[in-house]
Amino acid sequence: MIKNYFGHGKLLLTGEYVILDGSLSLALPTTYGQHFTVEPIEGSRLVWQSIDDNSNIWFNTEFDLDQLKLTDQINDHDSVTKRLLQILRAAKMLQPEFLDTDQGYKVSTELEFPRNWGLGTSSTLIYAMSNWAKIDPYKLLELTFGGSGYDIACADANSAITYQLIDKHQRHITPVDFNPSFKSHLYFVHLNQKQDSRDGIAQYRAVTSAITAEISEISNITKQMLSCDSLETFQKLIEQHEHLISKLINQTPVKQKLFNDFSGSIKSLGAWGGDFILVASKTDPTDYFKEKGYKTLINYQSMVF
């Protein structure tokens, strides 16, 4: 029987970096996601293909399922194959009966967004794999990519959520009604480059120490955003958030760095330096960003699920 899974992409609206240390953060599942299809085939083998948003196969491989047990025979494989085998082995560690069969499988993944957008190629894969293997996706994430896990929560969410880590193994995930009256003035702009969140986390750990007060302030901004009813107030909250994170990670806010002459407000989303930014503007900013070479601009209602 063919099995189909789907995970939503993700955007972290508040709490980048400090989400790792217990900040209450606001996260949004995106309309764009990744499909994951599992089809039984003959033979003890796994045939895998990954399809991009243009319906092109960007990765494919095939190997004997027994190879999952042979950790010393993958040294010559490419990085994507190594990562895939790491995920499969971790899933099998969590569920020993997973793939312990003579049955073969053909797996197809298909993205609805470009791979360089940073919306969750990895997190949607972890979420779908966990569904297939019937394991805890947060445990699989911990054994593979690491991170706070908010992206896993978004993959399964049907609305905006607040996300808060209580400790390493406990999290509070709360669906929230985040439907701002000014959403027609909100846009997402891609910075034409992908930022590795693991690198961003490493940099954050290197420059931060005691940040209890900052975590409290970010949590408070998250709460204020949820009840915010005007664009002007929302813009002030964005600017406060950018200032706080800028001081924490010792980096220049993206507006000051790239868009200093822009009249609206701009906020980085996730690891600073790449992927999407949030733009809050009274007027349509499309022409401004396109003139500067940023041609991927998506309005709020098209992006957010």
C-alpha atoms as a PDB file:
ATOM      1  CA  MET A   1       0.000   0.000   0.000  1.00  0.00           C
ATOM      2  CA  ILE A   2       1.345   3.428  -0.950  1.00  0.00           C
ATOM      3  CA  LYS A   3       1.729   5.827   1.978  1.00  0.00           C
ATOM      4  CA  ASN A   4       1.697   9.598   1.640  1.00  0.00           C
ATOM      5  CA  TYR A   5       2.905  12.181   4.124  1.00  0.00           C
ATOM      6  CA  PHE A   6       3.183  15.961   4.041  1.00  0.00           C
ATOM      7  CA  GLY A   7       5.010  18.460   6.230  1.00  0.00           C
ATOM      8  CA  HIS A   8       4.620  22.240   6.225  1.00  0.00           C
ATOM      9  CA  GLY A   9       7.622  24.521   5.924  1.00  0.00           C
ATOM     10  CA  LYS A  10       8.412  26.972   8.718  1.00  0.00           C
ATOM     11  CA  LEU A  11       9.213  30.560   9.565  1.00  0.00           C
ATOM     12  CA  LEU A  12      10.318  31.740  13.004  1.00  0.00           C
ATOM     13  CA  LEU A  13       8.772  35.141  13.568  1.00  0.00           C
ATOM     14  CA  THR A  14      10.231  35.796  17.025  1.00  0.00           C
ATOM     15  CA  GLY A  15      12.900  34.265  19.222  1.00  0.00           C
ATOM     16  CA  GLU A  16      15.643  33.350  16.765  1.00  0.00           C
ATOM     17  CA  TYR A  17      18.637  31.955  18.661  1.00  0.00           C
ATOM     18  CA  VAL A  18      17.102  32.529  22.131  1.00  0.00           C
ATOM     19  CA  ILE A  19      14.460  29.887  21.396  1.00  0.00           C
ATOM     20  CA  LEU A  20      17.244  27.441  22.291  1.00  0.00           C
ATOM     21  CA  ASP A  21      17.378  28.871  25.817  1.00  0.00           C
ATOM     22  CA  GLY A  22      13.671  28.904  26.630  1.00  0.00           C
ATOM     23  CA  SER A  23      12.312  32.030  24.980  1.00  0.00           C
ATOM     24  CA  LEU A  24       8.612  32.006  24.147  1.00  0.00           C
ATOM     25  CA  SER A  25       8.668  32.220  20.360  1.00  0.00           C
ATOM     26  CA  LEU A  26       6.127  32.689  17.588  1.00  0.00           C
ATOM     27  CA  ALA A  27       6.392  30.334  14.614  1.00  0.00           C
ATOM     28  CA  LEU A  28       4.413  30.091  11.396  1.00  0.00           C
ATOM     29  CA  PRO A  29       3.790  27.010   9.223  1.00  0.00           C
ATOM     30  CA  THR A  30       3.972  27.876   5.538  1.00  0.00           C
ATOM     31  CA  THR A  31       1.621  26.928   2.735  1.00  0.00           C
ATOM     32  CA  TYR A  32       4.690  25.505   0.991  1.00  0.00           C
ATOM     33  CA  GLY A  33       5.900  22.125   2.215  1.00  0.00           C
ATOM     34  CA  GLN A  34       7.285  18.752   1.199  1.00  0.00           C
ATOM     35  CA  HIS A  35       5.458  15.615   0.073  1.00  0.00           C
ATOM     36  CA  PHE A  36       6.815  12.197   1.034  1.00  0.00           C
ATOM     37  CA  THR A  37       5.586   9.040  -0.712  1.00  0.00           C
ATOM     38  CA  VAL A  38       6.504   5.444   0.172  1.00  0.00           C
ATOM     39  CA  GLU A  39       5.717   2.660  -2.302  1.00  0.00           C
ATOM     40  CA  PRO A  40       6.466  -1.052  -1.689  1.00  0.00           C
ATOM     41  CA  ILE A  41       8.701  -2.737  -4.294  1.00  0.00           C
ATOM     42  CA  GLU A  42      10.311  -6.141  -4.649  1.00  0.00           C
ATOM     43  CA  GLY A  43      13.685  -6.957  -3.153  1.00  0.00           C
ATOM     44  CA  SER A  44      15.411  -5.803   0.049  1.00  0.00           C
ATOM     45  CA  ARG A  45      16.426  -2.435  -1.338  1.00  0.00           C
ATOM     46  CA  LEU A  46      15.591   1.212  -0.947  1.00  0.00           C
ATOM     47  CA  VAL A  47      15.184   3.331  -4.058  1.00  0.00           C
ATOM     48  CA  TRP A  48      15.174   7.028  -3.238  1.00  0.00           C
ATOM     49  CA  GLN A  49      14.532  10.092  -5.348  1.00  0.00           C
ATOM     50  CA  SER A  50      14.198  13.715  -4.326  1.00  0.00           C
ATOM     51  CA  ILE A  51      12.318  16.105  -6.605  1.00  0.00           C
ATOM     52  CA  ASP A  52      12.579  19.886  -6.492  1.00  0.00           C
ATOM     53  CA  ASP A  53       9.875  22.495  -6.957  1.00  0.00           C
ATOM     54  CA  ASN A  54      10.388  22.424 -10.734  1.00  0.00           C
ATOM     55  CA  SER A  55       9.717  18.660 -10.868  1.00  0.00           C
ATOM     56  CA  ASN A  56      13.395  17.904 -11.513  1.00  0.00           C
ATOM     57  CA  ILE A  57      15.154  15.057  -9.712  1.00  0.00           C
ATOM     58  CA  TRP A  58      17.964  16.688  -7.717  1.00  0.00           C
ATOM     59  CA  PHE A  59      19.050  13.568  -5.857  1.00  0.00           C
ATOM     60  CA  ASN A  60      18.590   9.830  -6.318  1.00  0.00           C
ATOM     61  CA  THR A  61      20.228   6.728  -4.958  1.00  0.00           C
ATOM     62  CA  GLU A  62      19.640   3.037  -4.411  1.00  0.00           C
ATOM     63  CA  PHE A  63      21.192   0.681  -1.908  1.00  0.00           C
ATOM     64  CA  ASP A  64      20.641  -2.635  -0.238  1.00  0.00           C
ATOM     65  CA  LEU A  65      18.775  -2.297   3.030  1.00  0.00           C
ATOM     66  CA  ASP A  66      21.453  -4.435   4.665  1.00  0.00           C
ATOM     67  CA  GLN A  67      23.803  -1.490   4.129  1.00  0.00           C
ATOM     68  CA  LEU A  68      22.100   0.275   6.996  1.00  0.00           C
ATOM     69  CA  LYS A  69      24.061  -2.067   9.261  1.00  0.00           C
ATOM     70  CA  LEU A  70      27.435  -1.405   7.645  1.00  0.00           C
ATOM     71  CA  THR A  71      28.774   1.912   8.934  1.00  0.00           C
ATOM     72  CA  ASP A  72      32.209   1.518   7.324  1.00  0.00           C
ATOM     73  CA  GLN A  73      31.120   1.241   3.707  1.00  0.00           C
ATOM     74  CA  ILE A  74      29.792   4.733   2.985  1.00  0.00           C
ATOM     75  CA  ASN A  75      32.992   6.765   3.083  1.00  0.00           C
ATOM     76  CA  ASP A  76      32.997   7.314  -0.660  1.00  0.00           C
ATOM     77  CA  HIS A  77      29.383   8.451  -0.885  1.00  0.00           C
ATOM     78  CA  ASP A  78      28.351  12.083  -1.397  1.00  0.00           C
ATOM     79  CA  SER A  79      27.248  14.204   1.553  1.00  0.00           C
ATOM     80  CA  VAL A  80      23.528  13.876   0.788  1.00  0.00           C
ATOM     81  CA  THR A  81      23.733  10.065   0.761  1.00  0.00           C
ATOM     82  CA  LYS A  82      25.695  10.097   4.007  1.00  0.00           C
ATOM     83  CA  ARG A  83      23.110  12.323   5.628  1.00  0.00           C
ATOM     84  CA  LEU A  84      20.256  10.130   4.381  1.00  0.00           C
ATOM     85  CA  LEU A  85      21.917   7.008   5.764  1.00  0.00           C
ATOM     86  CA  GLN A  86      22.511   8.784   9.059  1.00  0.00           C
ATOM     87  CA  ILE A  87      18.784   9.593   9.306  1.00  0.00           C
ATOM     88  CA  LEU A  88      17.757   6.038   8.379  1.00  0.00           C
ATOM     89  CA  ARG A  89      20.153   4.526  10.907  1.00  0.00           C
ATOM     90  CA  ALA A  90      18.960   6.913  13.613  1.00  0.00           C
ATOM     91  CA  ALA A  91      15.350   5.969  12.835  1.00  0.00           C
ATOM     92  CA  LYS A  92      16.292   2.309  13.091  1.00  0.00           C
ATOM     93  CA  MET A  93      18.027   2.950  16.409  1.00  0.00           C
ATOM     94  CA  LEU A  94      14.776   4.429  17.732  1.00  0.00           C
ATOM     95  CA  GLN A  95      12.641   1.695  16.163  1.00  0.00           C
ATOM     96  CA  PRO A  96      14.668  -1.500  15.550  1.00  0.00           C
ATOM     97  CA  GLU A  97      11.863  -3.097  13.529  1.00  0.00           C
ATOM     98  CA  PHE A  98      11.922  -0.250  10.998  1.00  0.00           C
ATOM     99  CA  LEU A  99      13.015  -1.619   7.602  1.00  0.00           C
ATOM    100  CA  ASP A 100      13.729  -5.004   9.229  1.00  0.00           C
ATOM    101  CA  THR A 101      12.036  -6.869   6.406  1.00  0.00           C
ATOM    102  CA  ASP A 102      12.603  -8.441   3.021  1.00  0.00           C
ATOM    103  CA  GLN A 103      10.246  -5.825   1.623  1.00  0.00           C
ATOM    104  CA  GLY A 104      11.783  -3.078  -0.510  1.00  0.00           C
ATOM    105  CA  TYR A 105      10.609   0.497  -0.873  1.00  0.00           C
ATOM    106  CA  LYS A 106      10.644   3.333  -3.332  1.00  0.00           C
ATOM    107  CA  VAL A 107      10.618   6.703  -1.580  1.00  0.00           C
ATOM    108  CA  SER A 108       9.912   9.968  -3.393  1.00  0.00           C
ATOM    109  CA  THR A 109      10.162  13.377  -1.800  1.00  0.00           C
ATOM    110  CA  GLU A 110       8.848  16.444  -3.595  1.00  0.00           C
ATOM    111  CA  LEU A 111       9.402  20.018  -2.518  1.00  0.00           C
ATOM    112  CA  GLU A 112       6.937  22.836  -3.116  1.00  0.00           C
ATOM    113  CA  PHE A 113       9.605  25.497  -2.548  1.00  0.00           C
ATOM    114  CA  PRO A 114      13.154  26.044  -3.844  1.00  0.00           C
ATOM    115  CA  ARG A 115      15.802  24.289  -1.766  1.00  0.00           C
ATOM    116  CA  ASN A 116      17.664  27.551  -1.101  1.00  0.00           C
ATOM    117  CA  TRP A 117      14.642  29.212   0.515  1.00  0.00           C
ATOM    118  CA  GLY A 118      15.407  27.706   3.925  1.00  0.00           C
ATOM    119  CA  LEU A 119      11.789  26.838   4.660  1.00  0.00           C
ATOM    120  CA  GLY A 120      12.564  23.362   5.992  1.00  0.00           C
ATOM    121  CA  THR A 121      13.864  20.818   3.481  1.00  0.00           C
ATOM    122  CA  SER A 122      15.419  18.932   6.409  1.00  0.00           C
ATOM    123  CA  SER A 123      12.701  19.415   9.030  1.00  0.00           C
ATOM    124  CA  THR A 124       9.891  18.291   6.727  1.00  0.00           C
ATOM    125  CA  LEU A 125      11.972  15.227   5.865  1.00  0.00           C
ATOM    126  CA  ILE A 126      12.546  14.386   9.546  1.00  0.00           C
ATOM    127  CA  TYR A 127       8.835  14.837  10.240  1.00  0.00           C
ATOM    128  CA  ALA A 128       7.776  12.569   7.362  1.00  0.00           C
ATOM    129  CA  MET A 129      10.423   9.943   8.108  1.00  0.00           C
ATOM    130  CA  SER A 130       9.239   9.816  11.711  1.00  0.00           C
ATOM    131  CA  ASN A 131       5.675   9.263  10.604  1.00  0.00           C
ATOM    132  CA  TRP A 132       6.787   6.431   8.338  1.00  0.00           C
ATOM    133  CA  ALA A 133       8.939   4.794  11.019  1.00  0.00           C
ATOM    134  CA  LYS A 134       6.392   5.522  13.799  1.00  0.00           C
ATOM    135  CA  ILE A 135       8.925   7.255  16.035  1.00  0.00           C
ATOM    136  CA  ASP A 136       9.203  10.542  17.945  1.00  0.00           C
ATOM    137  CA  PRO A 137      10.322  13.194  15.417  1.00  0.00           C
ATOM    138  CA  TYR A 138      12.014  15.269  18.130  1.00  0.00           C
ATOM    139  CA  LYS A 139      14.198  12.320  19.099  1.00  0.00           C
ATOM    140  CA  LEU A 140      15.103  11.753  15.447  1.00  0.00           C
ATOM    141  CA  LEU A 141      15.941  15.444  15.096  1.00  0.00           C
ATOM    142  CA  GLU A 142      18.172  15.276  18.167  1.00  0.00           C
ATOM    143  CA  LEU A 143      20.099  12.335  16.682  1.00  0.00           C
ATOM    144  CA  THR A 144      20.561  14.044  13.299  1.00  0.00           C
ATOM    145  CA  PHE A 145      20.324  17.801  12.721  1.00  0.00           C
ATOM    146  CA  GLY A 146      19.715  19.085  16.231  1.00  0.00           C
ATOM    147  CA  GLY A 147      18.102  22.440  16.962  1.00  0.00           C
ATOM    148  CA  SER A 148      15.134  23.637  18.990  1.00  0.00           C
ATOM    149  CA  GLY A 149      12.507  21.534  17.204  1.00  0.00           C
ATOM    150  CA  TYR A 150      10.134  24.403  16.405  1.00  0.00           C
ATOM    151  CA  ASP A 151      10.433  23.472  12.731  1.00  0.00           C
ATOM    152  CA  ILE A 152       9.141  19.970  13.497  1.00  0.00           C
ATOM    153  CA  ALA A 153       6.184  21.511  15.325  1.00  0.00           C
ATOM    154  CA  CYS A 154       5.454  23.688  12.282  1.00  0.00           C
ATOM    155  CA  ALA A 155       5.540  20.683   9.942  1.00  0.00           C
ATOM    156  CA  ASP A 156       2.547  19.282  11.816  1.00  0.00           C
ATOM    157  CA  ALA A 157       0.771  22.556  12.626  1.00  0.00           C
ATOM    158  CA  ASN A 158      -2.532  23.835  11.253  1.00  0.00           C
ATOM    159  CA  SER A 159      -2.053  27.385  12.522  1.00  0.00           C
ATOM    160  CA  ALA A 160       0.551  29.682  13.999  1.00  0.00           C
ATOM    161  CA  ILE A 161       2.070  28.348  17.207  1.00  0.00           C
ATOM    162  CA  THR A 162       3.977  29.554  20.208  1.00  0.00           C
ATOM    163  CA  TYR A 163       6.899  27.308  21.018  1.00  0.00           C
ATOM    164  CA  GLN A 164       8.907  27.158  24.209  1.00  0.00           C
ATOM    165  CA  LEU A 165      11.583  24.719  25.343  1.00  0.00           C
ATOM    166  CA  ILE A 166      11.221  23.856  29.008  1.00  0.00           C
ATOM    167  CA  ASP A 167      14.241  21.559  29.005  1.00  0.00           C
ATOM    168  CA  LYS A 168      16.000  19.268  26.554  1.00  0.00           C
ATOM    169  CA  HIS A 169      13.095  16.824  26.409  1.00  0.00           C
ATOM    170  CA  GLN A 170      10.074  18.997  27.167  1.00  0.00           C
ATOM    171  CA  ARG A 171       8.428  21.700  25.098  1.00  0.00           C
ATOM    172  CA  HIS A 172       5.231  23.683  25.171  1.00  0.00           C
ATOM    173  CA  ILE A 173       3.531  23.984  21.771  1.00  0.00           C
ATOM    174  CA  THR A 174       0.383  26.080  21.687  1.00  0.00           C
ATOM    175  CA  PRO A 175      -1.747  26.792  18.594  1.00  0.00           C
ATOM    176  CA  VAL A 176      -2.531  30.510  18.466  1.00  0.00           C
ATOM    177  CA  ASP A 177      -4.796  32.703  16.382  1.00  0.00           C
ATOM    178  CA  PHE A 178      -2.258  35.023  14.798  1.00  0.00           C
ATOM    179  CA  ASN A 179      -4.251  36.788  12.111  1.00  0.00           C
ATOM    180  CA  PRO A 180      -3.140  40.428  12.191  1.00  0.00           C
ATOM    181  CA  SER A 181      -5.544  42.994  10.777  1.00  0.00           C
ATOM    182  CA  PHE A 182      -2.581  44.594   8.969  1.00  0.00           C
ATOM    183  CA  LYS A 183      -1.366  41.378   7.296  1.00  0.00           C
ATOM    184  CA  SER A 184      -1.800  42.956   3.847  1.00  0.00           C
ATOM    185  CA  HIS A 185       1.171  45.158   4.810  1.00  0.00           C
ATOM    186  CA  LEU A 186       3.444  42.200   5.623  1.00  0.00           C
ATOM    187  CA  TYR A 187       5.798  40.607   3.098  1.00  0.00           C
ATOM    188  CA  PHE A 188       8.552  38.019   3.019  1.00  0.00           C
ATOM    189  CA  VAL A 189      11.668  38.779   0.963  1.00  0.00           C
ATOM    190  CA  HIS A 190      14.373  36.220   0.184  1.00  0.00           C
ATOM    191  CA  LEU A 191      17.953  37.446   0.558  1.00  0.00           C
ATOM    192  CA  ASN A 192      19.229  35.327  -2.385  1.00  0.00           C
ATOM    193  CA  GLN A 193      21.349  33.132  -0.125  1.00  0.00           C
ATOM    194  CA  LYS A 194      20.817  30.268   2.281  1.00  0.00           C
ATOM    195  CA  GLN A 195      21.969  30.469   5.872  1.00  0.00           C
ATOM    196  CA  ASP A 196      22.969  27.265   7.654  1.00  0.00           C
ATOM    197  CA  SER A 197      21.109  27.355  10.957  1.00  0.00           C
ATOM    198  CA  ARG A 198      23.663  25.046  12.574  1.00  0.00           C
ATOM    199  CA  ASP A 199      26.412  27.556  11.816  1.00  0.00           C
ATOM    200  CA  GLY A 200      24.238  30.333  13.198  1.00  0.00           C
ATOM    201  CA  ILE A 201      23.611  28.389  16.397  1.00  0.00           C
ATOM    202  CA  ALA A 202      27.345  27.750  16.832  1.00  0.00           C
ATOM    203  CA  GLN A 203      28.079  31.472  16.455  1.00  0.00           C
ATOM    204  CA  TYR A 204      25.335  32.319  18.952  1.00  0.00           C
ATOM    205  CA  ARG A 205      26.754  29.901  21.518  1.00  0.00           C
ATOM    206  CA  ALA A 206      30.187  31.429  21.054  1.00  0.00           C
ATOM    207  CA  VAL A 207      29.136  34.994  21.916  1.00  0.00           C
ATOM    208  CA  THR A 208      26.370  34.629  24.519  1.00  0.00           C
ATOM    209  CA  SER A 209      26.491  33.933  28.233  1.00  0.00           C
ATOM    210  CA  ALA A 210      23.950  35.001  30.873  1.00  0.00           C
ATOM    211  CA  ILE A 211      20.906  36.207  28.931  1.00  0.00           C
ATOM    212  CA  THR A 212      17.971  35.679  31.299  1.00  0.00           C
ATOM    213  CA  ALA A 213      16.777  39.289  30.976  1.00  0.00           C
ATOM    214  CA  GLU A 214      16.932  39.215  27.175  1.00  0.00           C
ATOM    215  CA  ILE A 215      14.973  35.960  27.026  1.00  0.00           C
ATOM    216  CA  SER A 216      12.277  37.555  29.174  1.00  0.00           C
ATOM    217  CA  GLU A 217      12.155  40.609  26.909  1.00  0.00           C
ATOM    218  CA  ILE A 218      11.861  38.517  23.742  1.00  0.00           C
ATOM    219  CA  SER A 219       9.114  36.419  25.346  1.00  0.00           C
ATOM    220  CA  ASN A 220       7.269  39.617  26.194  1.00  0.00           C
ATOM    221  CA  ILE A 221       7.597  40.881  22.605  1.00  0.00           C
ATOM    222  CA  THR A 222       6.120  37.571  21.396  1.00  0.00           C
ATOM    223  CA  LYS A 223       3.107  38.052  23.675  1.00  0.00           C
ATOM    224  CA  GLN A 224       2.663  41.645  22.523  1.00  0.00           C
ATOM    225  CA  MET A 225       2.775  40.601  18.867  1.00  0.00           C
ATOM    226  CA  LEU A 226      -0.060  38.151  19.469  1.00  0.00           C
ATOM    227  CA  SER A 227      -2.338  40.933  20.715  1.00  0.00           C
ATOM    228  CA  CYS A 228      -1.034  43.684  18.449  1.00  0.00           C
ATOM    229  CA  ASP A 229      -3.758  45.449  16.458  1.00  0.00           C
ATOM    230  CA  SER A 230      -1.871  48.116  14.509  1.00  0.00           C
ATOM    231  CA  LEU A 231       0.904  48.137  11.931  1.00  0.00           C
ATOM    232  CA  GLU A 232       2.737  50.934  13.738  1.00  0.00           C
ATOM    233  CA  THR A 233       2.853  49.014  17.011  1.00  0.00           C
ATOM    234  CA  PHE A 234       3.968  45.872  15.197  1.00  0.00           C
ATOM    235  CA  GLN A 235       6.786  47.791  13.532  1.00  0.00           C
ATOM    236  CA  LYS A 236       7.999  49.071  16.895  1.00  0.00           C
ATOM    237  CA  LEU A 237       8.030  45.513  18.235  1.00  0.00           C
ATOM    238  CA  ILE A 238      10.038  44.359  15.211  1.00  0.00           C
ATOM    239  CA  GLU A 239      12.606  47.082  15.807  1.00  0.00           C
ATOM    240  CA  GLN A 240      12.874  46.263  19.523  1.00  0.00           C
ATOM    241  CA  HIS A 241      13.389  42.598  18.690  1.00  0.00           C
ATOM    242  CA  GLU A 242      16.099  43.352  16.112  1.00  0.00           C
ATOM    243  CA  HIS A 243      17.919  45.594  18.582  1.00  0.00           C
ATOM    244  CA  LEU A 244      17.907  42.926  21.298  1.00  0.00           C
ATOM    245  CA  ILE A 245      19.162  40.112  19.056  1.00  0.00           C
ATOM    246  CA  SER A 246      21.737  42.413  17.453  1.00  0.00           C
ATOM    247  CA  LYS A 247      23.290  43.061  20.854  1.00  0.00           C
ATOM    248  CA  LEU A 248      23.193  39.384  21.786  1.00  0.00           C
ATOM    249  CA  ILE A 249      24.952  38.049  18.703  1.00  0.00           C
ATOM    250  CA  ASN A 250      27.042  41.136  17.964  1.00  0.00           C
ATOM    251  CA  GLN A 251      25.750  41.485  14.403  1.00  0.00           C
ATOM    252  CA  THR A 252      24.330  44.452  12.500  1.00  0.00           C
ATOM    253  CA  PRO A 253      20.559  44.261  11.834  1.00  0.00           C
ATOM    254  CA  VAL A 254      19.708  43.488   8.221  1.00  0.00           C
ATOM    255  CA  LYS A 255      17.928  46.804   7.606  1.00  0.00           C
ATOM    256  CA  GLN A 256      20.947  48.812   8.741  1.00  0.00           C
ATOM    257  CA  LYS A 257      23.263  46.552   6.777  1.00  0.00           C
ATOM    258  CA  LEU A 258      21.422  46.277   3.438  1.00  0.00           C
ATOM    259  CA  PHE A 259      18.312  48.474   3.363  1.00  0.00           C
ATOM    260  CA  ASN A 260      19.127  51.583   5.371  1.00  0.00           C
ATOM    261  CA  ASP A 261      17.069  53.829   3.071  1.00  0.00           C
ATOM    262  CA  PHE A 262      13.883  51.735   3.357  1.00  0.00           C
ATOM    263  CA  SER A 263      10.999  53.532   5.062  1.00  0.00           C
ATOM    264  CA  GLY A 264       9.332  50.428   6.546  1.00  0.00           C
ATOM    265  CA  SER A 265      10.480  47.940   9.179  1.00  0.00           C
ATOM    266  CA  ILE A 266      12.519  44.794   8.500  1.00  0.00           C
ATOM    267  CA  LYS A 267      13.194  41.750  10.663  1.00  0.00           C
ATOM    268  CA  SER A 268      15.484  38.756  10.149  1.00  0.00           C
ATOM    269  CA  LEU A 269      13.815  35.363  10.450  1.00  0.00           C
ATOM    270  CA  GLY A 270      15.844  32.471  11.822  1.00  0.00           C
ATOM    271  CA  ALA A 271      19.628  32.545  11.590  1.00  0.00           C
ATOM    272  CA  TRP A 272      20.773  36.034  10.552  1.00  0.00           C
ATOM    273  CA  GLY A 273      22.429  36.520   7.180  1.00  0.00           C
ATOM    274  CA  GLY A 274      20.249  34.579   4.763  1.00  0.00           C
ATOM    275  CA  ASP A 275      16.897  33.048   3.850  1.00  0.00           C
ATOM    276  CA  PHE A 276      13.817  35.251   4.352  1.00  0.00           C
ATOM    277  CA  ILE A 277      13.265  38.563   6.066  1.00  0.00           C
ATOM    278  CA  LEU A 278       9.931  39.970   7.206  1.00  0.00           C
ATOM    279  CA  VAL A 279       9.016  43.373   5.798  1.00  0.00           C
ATOM    280  CA  ALA A 280       6.311  45.551   7.356  1.00  0.00           C
ATOM    281  CA  SER A 281       5.447  48.462   5.095  1.00  0.00           C
ATOM    282  CA  LYS A 282       2.554  50.867   4.615  1.00  0.00           C
ATOM    283  CA  THR A 283       3.147  50.801   0.855  1.00  0.00           C
ATOM    284  CA  ASP A 284       3.920  47.909  -1.496  1.00  0.00           C
ATOM    285  CA  PRO A 285       7.717  47.434  -1.309  1.00  0.00           C
ATOM    286  CA  THR A 286       8.027  45.207  -4.399  1.00  0.00           C
ATOM    287  CA  ASP A 287       9.706  47.778  -6.652  1.00  0.00           C
ATOM    288  CA  TYR A 288      12.158  48.815  -3.929  1.00  0.00           C
ATOM    289  CA  PHE A 289      13.458  45.294  -3.378  1.00  0.00           C
ATOM    290  CA  LYS A 290      13.470  44.320  -7.048  1.00  0.00           C
ATOM    291  CA  GLU A 291      15.562  47.363  -7.893  1.00  0.00           C
ATOM    292  CA  LYS A 292      18.078  46.135  -5.319  1.00  0.00           C
ATOM    293  CA  GLY A 293      18.121  42.646  -6.873  1.00  0.00           C
ATOM    294  CA  TYR A 294      15.794  40.852  -4.471  1.00  0.00           C
ATOM    295  CA  LYS A 295      13.135  39.432  -6.748  1.00  0.00           C
ATOM    296  CA  THR A 296      11.517  36.843  -4.475  1.00  0.00           C
ATOM    297  CA  LEU A 297       8.866  38.751  -2.539  1.00  0.00           C
ATOM    298  CA  ILE A 298       5.806  36.917  -1.207  1.00  0.00           C
ATOM    299  CA  ASN A 299       2.889  38.509   0.580  1.00  0.00           C
ATOM    300  CA  TYR A 300       1.873  37.232   3.999  1.00  0.00           C
ATOM    301  CA  GLN A 301      -1.350  35.550   2.930  1.00  0.00           C
ATOM    302  CA  SER A 302       0.380  33.565   0.178  1.00  0.00           C
ATOM    303  CA  MET A 303       3.187  32.375   2.447  1.00  0.00           C
ATOM    304  CA  VAL A 304       1.509  31.552   5.764  1.00  0.00           C
ATOM    305  CA  PHE A 305      -0.719  28.506   6.147  1.00  0.00           C
END
